[in-house]
Amino acid sequence: MLGSLSLRLILLYRKYAPDNVRQRCRYHPSCSKYTFVCIQRFGFFRGWALAFKRFQRCRPPNGGTDFPPHSDNHDC
């Protein structure tokens, strides 16, 4: 339930947030896409934990390609 609500909120953000807000992500895929995939793969709690770790890495000079871990990888 919390996972599906989070996914819906992320989709709303991606659809309605102004372009100047969404285009600031330093990583590929964007932080919202990364969070969406993590919640789908790992569920609400672990998905958000991985997303939070990603948000903390988002400082200059960090950036580049950073894909969500696969379901068999235990980073968190």
PDB file of N, CA and C in Angstrom:
ATOM      1  N   MET A   1       0.819  -1.192   0.000  1.00  0.00           N
ATOM      2  CA  MET A   1       0.000   0.000   0.000  1.00  0.00           C
ATOM      3  C   MET A   1       0.861   1.254   0.000  1.00  0.00           C
ATOM      4  N   LEU A   2       1.831   1.344   0.901  1.00  0.00           N
ATOM      5  CA  LEU A   2       2.711   2.510   0.921  1.00  0.00           C
ATOM      6  C   LEU A   2       3.551   2.589  -0.349  1.00  0.00           C
ATOM      7  N   GLY A   3       3.961   1.428  -0.839  1.00  0.00           N
ATOM      8  CA  GLY A   3       4.751   1.389  -2.064  1.00  0.00           C
ATOM      9  C   GLY A   3       3.967   1.922  -3.254  1.00  0.00           C
ATOM     10  N   SER A   4       2.721   1.474  -3.401  1.00  0.00           N
ATOM     11  CA  SER A   4       1.916   1.927  -4.539  1.00  0.00           C
ATOM     12  C   SER A   4       1.587   3.413  -4.421  1.00  0.00           C
ATOM     13  N   LEU A   5       1.365   3.904  -3.213  1.00  0.00           N
ATOM     14  CA  LEU A   5       1.132   5.331  -3.016  1.00  0.00           C
ATOM     15  C   LEU A   5       2.383   6.127  -3.397  1.00  0.00           C
ATOM     16  N   SER A   6       3.539   5.657  -2.983  1.00  0.00           N
ATOM     17  CA  SER A   6       4.794   6.328  -3.333  1.00  0.00           C
ATOM     18  C   SER A   6       4.995   6.358  -4.838  1.00  0.00           C
ATOM     19  N   LEU A   7       4.711   5.242  -5.502  1.00  0.00           N
ATOM     20  CA  LEU A   7       4.873   5.193  -6.958  1.00  0.00           C
ATOM     21  C   LEU A   7       3.933   6.180  -7.647  1.00  0.00           C
ATOM     22  N   ARG A   8       2.713   6.286  -7.173  1.00  0.00           N
ATOM     23  CA  ARG A   8       1.770   7.251  -7.750  1.00  0.00           C
ATOM     24  C   ARG A   8       2.234   8.683  -7.541  1.00  0.00           C
ATOM     25  N   LEU A   9       2.748   8.979  -6.353  1.00  0.00           N
ATOM     26  CA  LEU A   9       3.235  10.331  -6.092  1.00  0.00           C
ATOM     27  C   LEU A   9       4.444  10.670  -6.972  1.00  0.00           C
ATOM     28  N   ILE A  10       5.314   9.707  -7.186  1.00  0.00           N
ATOM     29  CA  ILE A  10       6.468   9.933  -8.066  1.00  0.00           C
ATOM     30  C   ILE A  10       5.996  10.190  -9.490  1.00  0.00           C
ATOM     31  N   LEU A  11       5.008   9.429  -9.953  1.00  0.00           N
ATOM     32  CA  LEU A  11       4.470   9.653 -11.301  1.00  0.00           C
ATOM     33  C   LEU A  11       3.834  11.041 -11.427  1.00  0.00           C
ATOM     34  N   LEU A  12       3.124  11.478 -10.393  1.00  0.00           N
ATOM     35  CA  LEU A  12       2.554  12.828 -10.408  1.00  0.00           C
ATOM     36  C   LEU A  12       3.657  13.882 -10.456  1.00  0.00           C
ATOM     37  N   TYR A  13       4.693  13.687  -9.674  1.00  0.00           N
ATOM     38  CA  TYR A  13       5.825  14.612  -9.690  1.00  0.00           C
ATOM     39  C   TYR A  13       6.439  14.678 -11.084  1.00  0.00           C
ATOM     40  N   ARG A  14       6.673  13.527 -11.688  1.00  0.00           N
ATOM     41  CA  ARG A  14       7.303  13.485 -13.010  1.00  0.00           C
ATOM     42  C   ARG A  14       6.419  14.135 -14.076  1.00  0.00           C
ATOM     43  N   LYS A  15       5.115  14.063 -13.890  1.00  0.00           N
ATOM     44  CA  LYS A  15       4.201  14.625 -14.882  1.00  0.00           C
ATOM     45  C   LYS A  15       3.980  16.127 -14.698  1.00  0.00           C
ATOM     46  N   TYR A  16       3.896  16.584 -13.442  1.00  0.00           N
ATOM     47  CA  TYR A  16       3.470  17.959 -13.197  1.00  0.00           C
ATOM     48  C   TYR A  16       4.537  18.900 -12.645  1.00  0.00           C
ATOM     49  N   ALA A  17       5.671  18.405 -12.233  1.00  0.00           N
ATOM     50  CA  ALA A  17       6.706  19.306 -11.701  1.00  0.00           C
ATOM     51  C   ALA A  17       7.260  20.157 -12.845  1.00  0.00           C
ATOM     52  N   PRO A  18       7.569  21.406 -12.568  1.00  0.00           N
ATOM     53  CA  PRO A  18       8.129  22.268 -13.620  1.00  0.00           C
ATOM     54  C   PRO A  18       9.451  21.711 -14.154  1.00  0.00           C
ATOM     55  N   ASP A  19       9.696  21.954 -15.422  1.00  0.00           N
ATOM     56  CA  ASP A  19      10.912  21.442 -16.063  1.00  0.00           C
ATOM     57  C   ASP A  19      12.182  21.916 -15.374  1.00  0.00           C
ATOM     58  N   ASN A  20      12.205  23.152 -14.905  1.00  0.00           N
ATOM     59  CA  ASN A  20      13.431  23.662 -14.279  1.00  0.00           C
ATOM     60  C   ASN A  20      13.737  22.958 -12.957  1.00  0.00           C
ATOM     61  N   VAL A  21      12.770  22.323 -12.346  1.00  0.00           N
ATOM     62  CA  VAL A  21      12.997  21.541 -11.124  1.00  0.00           C
ATOM     63  C   VAL A  21      13.482  20.143 -11.493  1.00  0.00           C
ATOM     64  N   ARG A  22      12.848  19.526 -12.476  1.00  0.00           N
ATOM     65  CA  ARG A  22      13.167  18.150 -12.840  1.00  0.00           C
ATOM     66  C   ARG A  22      14.493  18.019 -13.578  1.00  0.00           C
ATOM     67  N   GLN A  23      14.967  19.045 -14.226  1.00  0.00           N
ATOM     68  CA  GLN A  23      16.177  18.948 -15.037  1.00  0.00           C
ATOM     69  C   GLN A  23      17.462  19.161 -14.242  1.00  0.00           C
ATOM     70  N   ARG A  24      17.395  19.218 -12.946  1.00  0.00           N
ATOM     71  CA  ARG A  24      18.579  19.466 -12.120  1.00  0.00           C
ATOM     72  C   ARG A  24      19.321  18.208 -11.705  1.00  0.00           C
ATOM     73  N   CYS A  25      18.791  17.052 -12.001  1.00  0.00           N
ATOM     74  CA  CYS A  25      19.414  15.813 -11.546  1.00  0.00           C
ATOM     75  C   CYS A  25      20.765  15.626 -12.227  1.00  0.00           C
ATOM     76  N   ARG A  26      21.781  15.293 -11.443  1.00  0.00           N
ATOM     77  CA  ARG A  26      23.135  15.111 -11.941  1.00  0.00           C
ATOM     78  C   ARG A  26      23.381  13.696 -12.449  1.00  0.00           C
ATOM     79  N   TYR A  27      22.482  12.794 -12.152  1.00  0.00           N
ATOM     80  CA  TYR A  27      22.671  11.388 -12.490  1.00  0.00           C
ATOM     81  C   TYR A  27      21.741  10.952 -13.621  1.00  0.00           C
ATOM     82  N   HIS A  28      22.116   9.850 -14.230  1.00  0.00           N
ATOM     83  CA  HIS A  28      21.235   9.158 -15.160  1.00  0.00           C
ATOM     84  C   HIS A  28      21.091   7.731 -14.658  1.00  0.00           C
ATOM     85  N   PRO A  29      19.925   7.206 -14.442  1.00  0.00           N
ATOM     86  CA  PRO A  29      18.620   7.845 -14.582  1.00  0.00           C
ATOM     87  C   PRO A  29      18.390   8.890 -13.494  1.00  0.00           C
ATOM     88  N   SER A  30      17.362   9.705 -13.687  1.00  0.00           N
ATOM     89  CA  SER A  30      17.066  10.762 -12.726  1.00  0.00           C
ATOM     90  C   SER A  30      16.751  10.165 -11.355  1.00  0.00           C
ATOM     91  N   CYS A  31      16.807  10.991 -10.341  1.00  0.00           N
ATOM     92  CA  CYS A  31      16.536  10.506  -8.981  1.00  0.00           C
ATOM     93  C   CYS A  31      15.114   9.974  -8.838  1.00  0.00           C
ATOM     94  N   SER A  32      14.153  10.607  -9.503  1.00  0.00           N
ATOM     95  CA  SER A  32      12.776  10.107  -9.400  1.00  0.00           C
ATOM     96  C   SER A  32      12.631   8.750 -10.088  1.00  0.00           C
ATOM     97  N   LYS A  33      13.277   8.567 -11.226  1.00  0.00           N
ATOM     98  CA  LYS A  33      13.229   7.267 -11.905  1.00  0.00           C
ATOM     99  C   LYS A  33      13.950   6.201 -11.074  1.00  0.00           C
ATOM    100  N   TYR A  34      15.103   6.554 -10.505  1.00  0.00           N
ATOM    101  CA  TYR A  34      15.861   5.648  -9.647  1.00  0.00           C
ATOM    102  C   TYR A  34      14.996   5.198  -8.463  1.00  0.00           C
ATOM    103  N   THR A  35      14.341   6.155  -7.807  1.00  0.00           N
ATOM    104  CA  THR A  35      13.492   5.848  -6.661  1.00  0.00           C
ATOM    105  C   THR A  35      12.325   4.955  -7.070  1.00  0.00           C
ATOM    106  N   PHE A  36      11.706   5.264  -8.198  1.00  0.00           N
ATOM    107  CA  PHE A  36      10.587   4.478  -8.704  1.00  0.00           C
ATOM    108  C   PHE A  36      10.992   3.022  -8.905  1.00  0.00           C
ATOM    109  N   VAL A  37      12.127   2.800  -9.559  1.00  0.00           N
ATOM    110  CA  VAL A  37      12.600   1.443  -9.830  1.00  0.00           C
ATOM    111  C   VAL A  37      12.959   0.731  -8.524  1.00  0.00           C
ATOM    112  N   CYS A  38      13.620   1.422  -7.605  1.00  0.00           N
ATOM    113  CA  CYS A  38      13.996   0.797  -6.327  1.00  0.00           C
ATOM    114  C   CYS A  38      12.765   0.370  -5.536  1.00  0.00           C
ATOM    115  N   ILE A  39      11.729   1.198  -5.513  1.00  0.00           N
ATOM    116  CA  ILE A  39      10.511   0.827  -4.792  1.00  0.00           C
ATOM    117  C   ILE A  39       9.839  -0.362  -5.466  1.00  0.00           C
ATOM    118  N   GLN A  40       9.848  -0.395  -6.792  1.00  0.00           N
ATOM    119  CA  GLN A  40       9.277  -1.542  -7.502  1.00  0.00           C
ATOM    120  C   GLN A  40      10.051  -2.823  -7.194  1.00  0.00           C
ATOM    121  N   ARG A  41      11.374  -2.748  -7.185  1.00  0.00           N
ATOM    122  CA  ARG A  41      12.197  -3.948  -7.006  1.00  0.00           C
ATOM    123  C   ARG A  41      12.255  -4.428  -5.566  1.00  0.00           C
ATOM    124  N   PHE A  42      12.354  -3.481  -4.620  1.00  0.00           N
ATOM    125  CA  PHE A  42      12.667  -3.848  -3.235  1.00  0.00           C
ATOM    126  C   PHE A  42      11.567  -3.551  -2.231  1.00  0.00           C
ATOM    127  N   GLY A  43      10.514  -2.888  -2.650  1.00  0.00           N
ATOM    128  CA  GLY A  43       9.461  -2.535  -1.716  1.00  0.00           C
ATOM    129  C   GLY A  43       9.687  -1.157  -1.118  1.00  0.00           C
ATOM    130  N   PHE A  44       8.739  -0.751  -0.306  1.00  0.00           N
ATOM    131  CA  PHE A  44       8.713   0.612   0.223  1.00  0.00           C
ATOM    132  C   PHE A  44       9.946   0.963   1.049  1.00  0.00           C
ATOM    133  N   PHE A  45      10.248   0.194   2.070  1.00  0.00           N
ATOM    134  CA  PHE A  45      11.303   0.577   3.012  1.00  0.00           C
ATOM    135  C   PHE A  45      12.701   0.505   2.407  1.00  0.00           C
ATOM    136  N   ARG A  46      13.040  -0.611   1.805  1.00  0.00           N
ATOM    137  CA  ARG A  46      14.378  -0.728   1.211  1.00  0.00           C
ATOM    138  C   ARG A  46      14.514   0.184  -0.001  1.00  0.00           C
ATOM    139  N   GLY A  47      13.443   0.341  -0.773  1.00  0.00           N
ATOM    140  CA  GLY A  47      13.474   1.229  -1.931  1.00  0.00           C
ATOM    141  C   GLY A  47      13.774   2.663  -1.542  1.00  0.00           C
ATOM    142  N   TRP A  48      13.095   3.147  -0.498  1.00  0.00           N
ATOM    143  CA  TRP A  48      13.341   4.513  -0.041  1.00  0.00           C
ATOM    144  C   TRP A  48      14.715   4.647   0.624  1.00  0.00           C
ATOM    145  N   ALA A  49      15.186   3.593   1.287  1.00  0.00           N
ATOM    146  CA  ALA A  49      16.530   3.637   1.886  1.00  0.00           C
ATOM    147  C   ALA A  49      17.590   3.796   0.794  1.00  0.00           C
ATOM    148  N   LEU A  50      17.459   3.042  -0.293  1.00  0.00           N
ATOM    149  CA  LEU A  50      18.390   3.175  -1.412  1.00  0.00           C
ATOM    150  C   LEU A  50      18.282   4.556  -2.053  1.00  0.00           C
ATOM    151  N   ALA A  51      17.055   5.058  -2.181  1.00  0.00           N
ATOM    152  CA  ALA A  51      16.861   6.393  -2.754  1.00  0.00           C
ATOM    153  C   ALA A  51      17.508   7.460  -1.875  1.00  0.00           C
ATOM    154  N   PHE A  52      17.364   7.335  -0.568  1.00  0.00           N
ATOM    155  CA  PHE A  52      17.959   8.311   0.345  1.00  0.00           C
ATOM    156  C   PHE A  52      19.487   8.316   0.211  1.00  0.00           C
ATOM    157  N   LYS A  53      20.076   7.123   0.087  1.00  0.00           N
ATOM    158  CA  LYS A  53      21.530   7.051  -0.124  1.00  0.00           C
ATOM    159  C   LYS A  53      21.910   7.748  -1.423  1.00  0.00           C
ATOM    160  N   ARG A  54      21.099   7.595  -2.444  1.00  0.00           N
ATOM    161  CA  ARG A  54      21.346   8.268  -3.729  1.00  0.00           C
ATOM    162  C   ARG A  54      21.232   9.781  -3.571  1.00  0.00           C
ATOM    163  N   PHE A  55      20.220  10.253  -2.854  1.00  0.00           N
ATOM    164  CA  PHE A  55      20.048  11.697  -2.643  1.00  0.00           C
ATOM    165  C   PHE A  55      21.263  12.292  -1.935  1.00  0.00           C
ATOM    166  N   GLN A  56      21.847  11.550  -1.002  1.00  0.00           N
ATOM    167  CA  GLN A  56      23.013  12.051  -0.278  1.00  0.00           C
ATOM    168  C   GLN A  56      24.249  12.142  -1.161  1.00  0.00           C
ATOM    169  N   ARG A  57      24.322  11.328  -2.205  1.00  0.00           N
ATOM    170  CA  ARG A  57      25.459  11.383  -3.131  1.00  0.00           C
ATOM    171  C   ARG A  57      25.332  12.523  -4.122  1.00  0.00           C
ATOM    172  N   CYS A  58      24.194  13.158  -4.203  1.00  0.00           N
ATOM    173  CA  CYS A  58      23.926  14.171  -5.230  1.00  0.00           C
ATOM    174  C   CYS A  58      24.469  15.533  -4.811  1.00  0.00           C
ATOM    175  N   ARG A  59      25.776  15.663  -4.866  1.00  0.00           N
ATOM    176  CA  ARG A  59      26.473  16.925  -4.581  1.00  0.00           C
ATOM    177  C   ARG A  59      27.594  17.078  -5.597  1.00  0.00           C
ATOM    178  N   PRO A  60      27.927  18.314  -5.936  1.00  0.00           N
ATOM    179  CA  PRO A  60      29.071  18.483  -6.839  1.00  0.00           C
ATOM    180  C   PRO A  60      30.315  17.896  -6.194  1.00  0.00           C
ATOM    181  N   PRO A  61      31.202  17.275  -6.871  1.00  0.00           N
ATOM    182  CA  PRO A  61      31.247  17.050  -8.315  1.00  0.00           C
ATOM    183  C   PRO A  61      30.643  15.711  -8.718  1.00  0.00           C
ATOM    184  N   ASN A  62      29.860  15.082  -7.845  1.00  0.00           N
ATOM    185  CA  ASN A  62      29.270  13.777  -8.161  1.00  0.00           C
ATOM    186  C   ASN A  62      28.303  13.880  -9.324  1.00  0.00           C
ATOM    187  N   GLY A  63      28.066  12.753  -9.963  1.00  0.00           N
ATOM    188  CA  GLY A  63      27.136  12.687 -11.079  1.00  0.00           C
ATOM    189  C   GLY A  63      27.523  11.541 -11.987  1.00  0.00           C
ATOM    190  N   GLY A  64      26.807  11.400 -13.084  1.00  0.00           N
ATOM    191  CA  GLY A  64      27.103  10.353 -14.045  1.00  0.00           C
ATOM    192  C   GLY A  64      26.020   9.302 -14.065  1.00  0.00           C
ATOM    193  N   THR A  65      26.389   8.108 -14.450  1.00  0.00           N
ATOM    194  CA  THR A  65      25.442   7.006 -14.551  1.00  0.00           C
ATOM    195  C   THR A  65      25.442   6.218 -13.248  1.00  0.00           C
ATOM    196  N   ASP A  66      24.257   6.014 -12.695  1.00  0.00           N
ATOM    197  CA  ASP A  66      24.105   5.294 -11.431  1.00  0.00           C
ATOM    198  C   ASP A  66      22.776   4.554 -11.469  1.00  0.00           C
ATOM    199  N   PHE A  67      22.799   3.313 -11.937  1.00  0.00           N
ATOM    200  CA  PHE A  67      21.577   2.534 -12.050  1.00  0.00           C
ATOM    201  C   PHE A  67      21.218   1.894 -10.713  1.00  0.00           C
ATOM    202  N   PRO A  68      19.921   1.634 -10.491  1.00  0.00           N
ATOM    203  CA  PRO A  68      19.509   0.941  -9.267  1.00  0.00           C
ATOM    204  C   PRO A  68      20.138  -0.446  -9.206  1.00  0.00           C
ATOM    205  N   PRO A  69      20.432  -0.927  -8.006  1.00  0.00           N
ATOM    206  CA  PRO A  69      21.005  -2.274  -7.889  1.00  0.00           C
ATOM    207  C   PRO A  69      20.002  -3.331  -8.324  1.00  0.00           C
ATOM    208  N   HIS A  70      20.521  -4.463  -8.736  1.00  0.00           N
ATOM    209  CA  HIS A  70      19.657  -5.592  -9.080  1.00  0.00           C
ATOM    210  C   HIS A  70      19.138  -6.228  -7.802  1.00  0.00           C
ATOM    211  N   SER A  71      18.100  -6.990  -7.906  1.00  0.00           N
ATOM    212  CA  SER A  71      17.447  -7.546  -6.725  1.00  0.00           C
ATOM    213  C   SER A  71      18.335  -8.521  -5.954  1.00  0.00           C
ATOM    214  N   ASP A  72      19.381  -9.075  -6.583  1.00  0.00           N
ATOM    215  CA  ASP A  72      20.261  -9.996  -5.859  1.00  0.00           C
ATOM    216  C   ASP A  72      21.420  -9.276  -5.168  1.00  0.00           C
ATOM    217  N   ASN A  73      21.547  -7.969  -5.374  1.00  0.00           N
ATOM    218  CA  ASN A  73      22.613  -7.180  -4.750  1.00  0.00           C
ATOM    219  C   ASN A  73      22.093  -6.636  -3.423  1.00  0.00           C
ATOM    220  N   HIS A  74      22.876  -6.792  -2.362  1.00  0.00           N
ATOM    221  CA  HIS A  74      22.432  -6.366  -1.023  1.00  0.00           C
ATOM    222  C   HIS A  74      23.266  -5.190  -0.532  1.00  0.00           C
ATOM    223  N   ASP A  75      23.087  -4.010  -1.172  1.00  0.00           N
ATOM    224  CA  ASP A  75      23.821  -2.810  -0.794  1.00  0.00           C
ATOM    225  C   ASP A  75      23.296  -2.156   0.466  1.00  0.00           C
ATOM    226  N   CYS A  76      22.051  -2.352   0.782  1.00  0.00           N
ATOM    227  CA  CYS A  76      21.453  -1.606   1.871  1.00  0.00           C
ATOM    228  C   CYS A  76      21.364  -2.433   3.129  1.00  0.00           C
TER     229      CYS A  76
END
